[in-house]
Amino acid sequence: MIAQEILQHYSVAKTAQILMMFKGGLSQNIVVDLGSLLQNRLGFDVKVRRMFGIFVELAQNVKNYSAETEIASDGSEVGIGILILADSGTHYSVNSGNLVRNANAEILKAQCDHLQTLDKSALKAYHEERIESEPPPGSKGAGLGLIEITMKTGGNVHFDFAPFDADYTFFSITATVEK
């Protein structure tokens, strides 16, 4: 039975051309280790560096904002989520997903929808405006992560929300980087 379940995971990963998948708590140490794994596997040319920057932004987003958390080995509270990196041959796809509270999902969706309406110059202006303003309430950083992901992909980013249960929504981001 276990072999069959593992085979199913293997088949899905092979079909989706997944290079790496991680589900769990994303401490800073885990992010660094996953980054080293990527660098060792893919090298570090210009396209890989861009993809790597997006990967780190997505990992930090899960680490800082997932509603599902655990205590890391260093005693810090970290977010739990999933990171998936796939290689289609023509582009890399960097995906993340984590739970958000339903109360925050609508606000987050509005922010994501707004980002999708901005062209390159408007996105850059919005980024500059956000740098000069105070971080949004509840932000654990400068509040620039989603903006920077959108900028680094040239707008090739998709935000999605799926109901999870009465209290939570599953938030996913798919960022695409041409090779």
Protein backbone atom coordinates (compact mmCIF):
# COMPACT_ATOMS: atom_id res chain seq x y z
CA MET A 1 0.00 0.00 0.00
CA ILE A 2 2.73 2.50 0.91
CA ALA A 3 4.64 1.77 -2.32
CA GLN A 4 1.49 2.51 -4.33
CA GLU A 5 1.00 5.87 -2.58
CA ILE A 6 4.63 6.83 -3.13
CA LEU A 7 4.34 5.76 -6.76
CA GLN A 8 1.34 8.08 -7.14
CA HIS A 9 3.37 10.99 -5.76
CA TYR A 10 6.26 10.06 -8.05
CA SER A 11 4.01 9.87 -11.11
CA VAL A 12 2.44 13.26 -10.39
CA ALA A 13 5.88 14.82 -9.87
CA LYS A 14 7.23 13.29 -13.07
CA THR A 15 4.24 14.37 -15.16
CA ALA A 16 4.39 17.92 -13.76
CA GLN A 17 8.18 18.01 -14.29
CA ILE A 18 8.75 18.89 -10.64
CA LEU A 19 12.38 19.48 -9.72
CA MET A 20 11.71 20.05 -6.04
CA MET A 21 8.76 20.03 -3.68
CA PHE A 22 8.75 20.89 0.01
CA LYS A 23 5.81 20.89 2.40
CA GLY A 24 6.32 21.94 5.99
CA GLY A 25 7.50 24.75 8.23
CA LEU A 26 9.76 27.22 6.46
CA SER A 27 12.38 28.45 8.90
CA GLN A 28 15.22 30.64 7.68
CA ASN A 29 17.54 27.60 7.87
CA ILE A 30 15.20 25.52 5.69
CA VAL A 31 14.99 28.32 3.10
CA VAL A 32 18.80 28.54 2.99
CA ASP A 33 19.13 24.76 2.66
CA LEU A 34 16.53 24.59 -0.13
CA GLY A 35 18.33 27.45 -1.87
CA SER A 36 21.62 25.54 -1.70
CA LEU A 37 19.90 22.48 -3.12
CA LEU A 38 18.59 24.53 -6.04
CA GLN A 39 21.96 26.12 -6.70
CA ASN A 40 23.71 22.73 -6.65
CA ARG A 41 21.13 21.23 -8.99
CA LEU A 42 20.67 24.10 -11.46
CA GLY A 43 23.83 26.21 -11.31
CA PHE A 44 23.45 29.94 -10.99
CA ASP A 45 23.11 31.63 -14.39
CA VAL A 46 21.04 34.80 -14.90
CA LYS A 47 17.68 33.00 -15.36
CA VAL A 48 18.31 30.72 -12.39
CA ARG A 49 19.21 33.74 -10.23
CA ARG A 50 15.91 35.43 -11.17
CA MET A 51 13.99 32.23 -10.44
CA PHE A 52 15.92 31.85 -7.18
CA GLY A 53 14.98 35.40 -6.10
CA ILE A 54 11.31 34.58 -6.69
CA PHE A 55 11.70 31.29 -4.83
CA VAL A 56 13.11 33.16 -1.80
CA GLU A 57 10.29 35.74 -1.92
CA LEU A 58 7.67 32.98 -2.04
CA ALA A 59 9.35 31.08 0.79
CA GLN A 60 9.50 34.24 2.91
CA ASN A 61 5.82 34.88 2.18
CA VAL A 62 4.90 31.44 3.49
CA LYS A 63 7.30 31.73 6.44
CA ASN A 64 5.92 35.09 7.53
CA TYR A 65 2.22 34.99 6.64
CA SER A 66 0.88 31.45 6.71
CA ALA A 67 -1.97 31.08 9.19
CA GLU A 68 -0.72 27.56 9.90
CA THR A 69 2.44 27.67 12.00
CA GLU A 70 4.86 25.57 13.99
CA ILE A 71 7.82 26.20 16.25
CA ALA A 72 11.15 25.75 14.46
CA SER A 73 14.19 24.14 16.07
CA ASP A 74 15.54 27.62 16.93
CA GLY A 75 12.35 28.41 18.87
CA SER A 76 10.90 30.83 16.30
CA GLU A 77 7.38 30.56 14.98
CA VAL A 78 7.34 29.82 11.24
CA GLY A 79 4.64 29.43 8.64
CA ILE A 80 3.76 26.08 7.13
CA GLY A 81 3.13 25.76 3.42
CA ILE A 82 4.24 24.17 0.20
CA LEU A 83 6.87 25.20 -2.35
CA ILE A 84 7.09 23.54 -5.75
CA LEU A 85 9.64 24.20 -8.49
CA ALA A 86 8.99 22.76 -11.95
CA ASP A 87 10.92 22.94 -15.21
CA SER A 88 8.84 22.75 -18.39
CA GLY A 89 11.87 23.00 -20.63
CA THR A 90 11.04 26.55 -21.73
CA HIS A 91 10.40 28.09 -18.32
CA TYR A 92 10.60 27.55 -14.60
CA SER A 93 7.41 27.57 -12.57
CA VAL A 94 7.79 28.50 -8.90
CA ASN A 95 4.70 27.77 -6.83
CA SER A 96 3.78 28.34 -3.22
CA GLY A 97 0.70 27.73 -1.16
CA ASN A 98 -0.38 28.31 2.40
CA LEU A 99 -3.42 28.86 4.54
CA VAL A 100 -4.71 32.36 5.27
CA ARG A 101 -7.54 33.30 7.57
CA ASN A 102 -10.80 33.90 5.73
CA ALA A 103 -10.96 37.36 7.31
CA ASN A 104 -7.65 38.24 5.58
CA ALA A 105 -8.33 36.48 2.29
CA GLU A 106 -10.54 39.20 0.78
CA ILE A 107 -8.01 41.93 1.60
CA LEU A 108 -5.21 39.82 0.14
CA LYS A 109 -7.29 39.05 -2.96
CA ALA A 110 -7.92 42.77 -3.51
CA GLN A 111 -4.17 43.45 -3.24
CA CYS A 112 -3.38 40.67 -5.72
CA ASP A 113 -6.11 41.81 -8.12
CA HIS A 114 -4.69 45.35 -7.99
CA LEU A 115 -1.20 44.10 -8.84
CA GLN A 116 -2.58 42.24 -11.86
CA THR A 117 -3.99 45.48 -13.28
CA LEU A 118 -0.66 47.34 -13.27
CA ASP A 119 1.63 47.57 -16.28
CA LYS A 120 5.41 47.65 -15.88
CA SER A 121 5.72 51.41 -15.30
CA ALA A 122 2.72 51.57 -12.95
CA LEU A 123 4.09 48.60 -11.01
CA LYS A 124 7.46 50.33 -10.64
CA ALA A 125 5.74 53.54 -9.45
CA TYR A 126 3.63 51.56 -6.96
CA HIS A 127 6.79 49.84 -5.70
CA GLU A 128 8.50 53.21 -5.15
CA GLU A 129 5.41 54.56 -3.40
CA ARG A 130 5.33 51.53 -1.07
CA ILE A 131 9.06 51.87 -0.27
CA GLU A 132 8.47 55.42 0.93
CA SER A 133 5.37 54.62 2.98
CA GLU A 134 4.87 52.77 6.25
CA PRO A 135 4.45 49.00 6.05
CA PRO A 136 0.82 47.89 5.91
CA PRO A 137 -0.82 46.82 9.18
CA GLY A 138 0.12 43.23 10.03
CA SER A 139 3.11 43.23 7.68
CA LYS A 140 6.24 41.49 8.95
CA GLY A 141 8.46 43.32 6.48
CA ALA A 142 8.20 46.26 4.15
CA GLY A 143 5.07 44.84 2.48
CA LEU A 144 6.86 44.57 -0.86
CA GLY A 145 7.02 40.80 -1.44
CA LEU A 146 4.03 40.37 -3.76
CA ILE A 147 4.99 43.52 -5.65
CA GLU A 148 8.56 42.29 -6.14
CA ILE A 149 7.39 38.84 -7.26
CA THR A 150 5.16 40.49 -9.85
CA MET A 151 8.03 42.72 -11.00
CA LYS A 152 10.59 39.89 -11.20
CA THR A 153 8.27 37.79 -13.37
CA GLY A 154 7.36 40.65 -15.68
CA GLY A 155 3.75 40.09 -14.66
CA ASN A 156 3.87 36.32 -15.26
CA VAL A 157 2.37 35.58 -11.87
CA HIS A 158 -0.97 34.07 -10.95
CA PHE A 159 -2.62 34.40 -7.54
CA ASP A 160 -5.38 32.00 -6.60
CA PHE A 161 -7.62 31.30 -3.62
CA ALA A 162 -9.47 28.09 -2.75
CA PRO A 163 -11.83 27.55 0.18
CA PHE A 164 -10.27 25.25 2.77
CA ASP A 165 -12.72 25.16 5.67
CA ALA A 166 -14.94 27.50 7.71
CA ASP A 167 -11.95 29.51 8.97
CA TYR A 168 -9.27 29.28 6.27
CA THR A 169 -8.61 29.81 2.59
CA PHE A 170 -5.72 28.24 0.67
CA PHE A 171 -3.70 30.96 -1.07
CA SER A 172 -1.42 29.97 -3.94
CA ILE A 173 1.03 31.84 -6.11
CA THR A 174 2.43 30.58 -9.40
CA ALA A 175 5.31 32.61 -10.80
CA THR A 176 6.77 31.84 -14.22
CA VAL A 177 10.31 32.67 -15.34
CA GLU A 178 11.34 32.13 -18.96
CA LYS A 179 14.57 30.15 -19.42
